[in-house]
């Protein structure tokens, strides 16, 4: 990140929200791995710079080269298996935002039947304090 990249308006300024909302839809549907960066870029829509252009381009390149990685799952329960359980996984990053130095929190809920976990909810967001 350079000062020039942060001070110059990005080429996608004005259309970045449309691109981000499409990626957000994809992340909520089948790609939780990109929800963090989409949330981070969405906080910069009003101050879009060349630095955000570069990060969005990198995200799209990642999606392009990992098209085959999508969320697929099934929940199957037979009488031979253990009861279905809900498991919760959390994570946080201390001062991980380079612009505001705020921390982030992540969470994922899965339903597990035997050895088959299936994600039902995930979130990644910047902490308020």
Protein backbone atom coordinates (compact mmCIF):
# COMPACT_ATOMS: atom_id res chain seq x y z
CA UNK A 1 0.00 0.00 0.00
CA UNK A 2 1.44 3.37 -1.00
CA UNK A 3 0.27 6.91 -0.29
CA UNK A 4 -0.37 7.42 -4.01
CA UNK A 5 -2.67 4.39 -4.12
CA UNK A 6 -4.64 5.65 -1.13
CA UNK A 7 -4.93 9.24 -2.37
CA UNK A 8 -5.93 8.61 -6.00
CA UNK A 9 -9.50 7.74 -6.88
CA UNK A 10 -9.89 4.19 -8.16
CA UNK A 11 -10.98 3.30 -11.69
CA UNK A 12 -13.95 1.36 -10.33
CA UNK A 13 -15.17 4.27 -8.24
CA UNK A 14 -18.90 4.52 -8.91
CA UNK A 15 -19.41 0.88 -9.91
CA UNK A 16 -17.60 -0.85 -7.04
CA UNK A 17 -20.79 -1.37 -5.01
CA UNK A 18 -22.40 -3.34 -7.85
CA UNK A 19 -19.36 -5.63 -8.14
CA UNK A 20 -19.09 -6.07 -4.36
CA UNK A 21 -22.78 -6.95 -3.99
CA UNK A 22 -22.43 -9.68 -6.61
CA UNK A 23 -19.45 -11.16 -4.78
CA UNK A 24 -21.30 -10.81 -1.46
CA UNK A 25 -24.22 -12.77 -2.91
CA UNK A 26 -21.78 -15.46 -4.03
CA UNK A 27 -20.07 -15.55 -0.63
CA UNK A 28 -23.36 -16.01 1.19
CA UNK A 29 -24.52 -18.66 -1.23
CA UNK A 30 -21.48 -20.91 -1.59
CA UNK A 31 -18.13 -19.15 -0.93
CA UNK A 32 -17.65 -18.19 2.74
CA UNK A 33 -13.91 -17.90 2.07
CA UNK A 34 -14.37 -14.47 0.43
CA UNK A 35 -16.84 -12.96 2.92
CA UNK A 36 -14.03 -11.33 4.92
CA UNK A 37 -12.51 -9.37 2.03
CA UNK A 38 -15.92 -8.36 0.67
CA UNK A 39 -16.89 -6.98 4.08
CA UNK A 40 -13.58 -5.13 4.32
CA UNK A 41 -13.93 -3.61 0.83
CA UNK A 42 -17.57 -2.65 1.49
CA UNK A 43 -16.42 -0.33 4.28
CA UNK A 44 -14.37 1.64 1.75
CA UNK A 45 -17.07 2.28 -0.90
CA UNK A 46 -17.32 6.00 -0.08
CA UNK A 47 -13.52 6.42 -0.16
CA UNK A 48 -12.68 4.09 -3.06
CA UNK A 49 -9.04 4.38 -4.15
CA UNK A 50 -6.57 2.59 -6.39
CA UNK A 51 -5.60 0.46 -3.40
CA UNK A 52 -9.15 -0.93 -3.21
CA UNK A 53 -9.07 -1.47 -7.00
CA UNK A 54 -6.02 -3.65 -6.53
CA UNK A 55 -7.60 -5.62 -3.65
CA UNK A 56 -10.84 -6.18 -5.59
CA UNK A 57 -8.88 -7.34 -8.64
CA UNK A 58 -6.99 -9.79 -6.44
CA UNK A 59 -10.28 -11.13 -5.01
CA UNK A 60 -11.75 -11.63 -8.50
CA UNK A 61 -8.55 -13.39 -9.63
CA UNK A 62 -8.81 -15.68 -6.61
CA UNK A 63 -12.44 -16.49 -7.45
CA UNK A 64 -11.54 -17.13 -11.08
CA UNK A 65 -8.72 -19.54 -10.25
CA UNK A 66 -10.71 -21.38 -7.57
CA UNK A 67 -14.03 -21.76 -9.40
CA UNK A 68 -14.21 -25.44 -8.54
CA UNK A 69 -14.19 -24.71 -4.80
CA UNK A 70 -17.81 -24.24 -3.85
CA UNK A 71 -19.78 -25.12 -0.77
CA UNK A 72 -21.57 -28.42 -1.32
CA UNK A 73 -23.10 -30.46 1.41
CA UNK A 74 -25.77 -32.81 2.51
CA UNK A 75 -27.29 -33.73 5.80
CA UNK A 76 -27.96 -37.40 6.14
CA UNK A 77 -29.01 -39.08 9.33
CA UNK A 78 -29.52 -42.79 9.83
CA UNK A 79 -30.34 -44.66 13.00
CA UNK A 80 -26.83 -46.14 13.06
CA UNK A 81 -25.14 -42.74 13.42
CA UNK A 82 -24.88 -40.39 16.36
CA UNK A 83 -27.38 -37.62 16.91
CA UNK A 84 -27.05 -34.46 14.84
CA UNK A 85 -25.20 -31.66 16.64
CA UNK A 86 -24.62 -27.98 16.04
CA UNK A 87 -21.01 -26.82 16.38
CA UNK A 88 -19.75 -23.25 16.52
CA UNK A 89 -16.29 -22.07 15.49
CA UNK A 90 -14.99 -18.58 16.24
CA UNK A 91 -11.87 -16.61 15.41
CA UNK A 92 -10.66 -13.05 15.71
CA UNK A 93 -7.88 -10.94 14.32
CA UNK A 94 -6.27 -8.29 16.52
CA UNK A 95 -5.98 -4.87 14.81
CA UNK A 96 -6.08 -6.54 11.39
CA UNK A 97 -7.46 -3.55 9.46
CA UNK A 98 -4.47 -1.54 8.17
CA UNK A 99 -6.52 1.67 7.88
CA UNK A 100 -8.43 1.75 11.17
CA UNK A 101 -6.41 -0.77 13.26
CA UNK A 102 -9.69 -2.36 14.36
CA UNK A 103 -10.00 -6.05 15.11
CA UNK A 104 -12.23 -8.50 13.26
CA UNK A 105 -14.46 -11.30 14.46
CA UNK A 106 -15.44 -14.43 12.54
CA UNK A 107 -17.97 -17.11 13.36
CA UNK A 108 -19.27 -20.26 11.66
CA UNK A 109 -22.14 -22.59 12.63
CA UNK A 110 -22.24 -26.14 11.28
CA UNK A 111 -24.66 -29.03 11.63
CA UNK A 112 -22.77 -32.29 12.06
CA UNK A 113 -24.25 -35.73 11.51
CA UNK A 114 -21.60 -38.35 12.12
CA UNK A 115 -18.59 -37.21 10.10
CA UNK A 116 -20.47 -34.88 7.72
CA UNK A 117 -20.33 -31.20 8.79
CA UNK A 118 -22.52 -28.75 6.86
CA UNK A 119 -22.11 -24.97 7.36
CA UNK A 120 -25.39 -23.17 7.93
CA UNK A 121 -24.18 -19.67 8.90
CA UNK A 122 -20.93 -17.69 8.75
CA UNK A 123 -19.98 -14.09 9.35
CA UNK A 124 -16.88 -11.94 9.35
CA UNK A 125 -17.01 -8.33 10.48
CA UNK A 126 -14.96 -5.52 11.89
CA UNK A 127 -15.38 -4.92 15.62
CA UNK A 128 -16.83 -1.58 16.71
CA UNK A 129 -14.43 -0.86 19.59
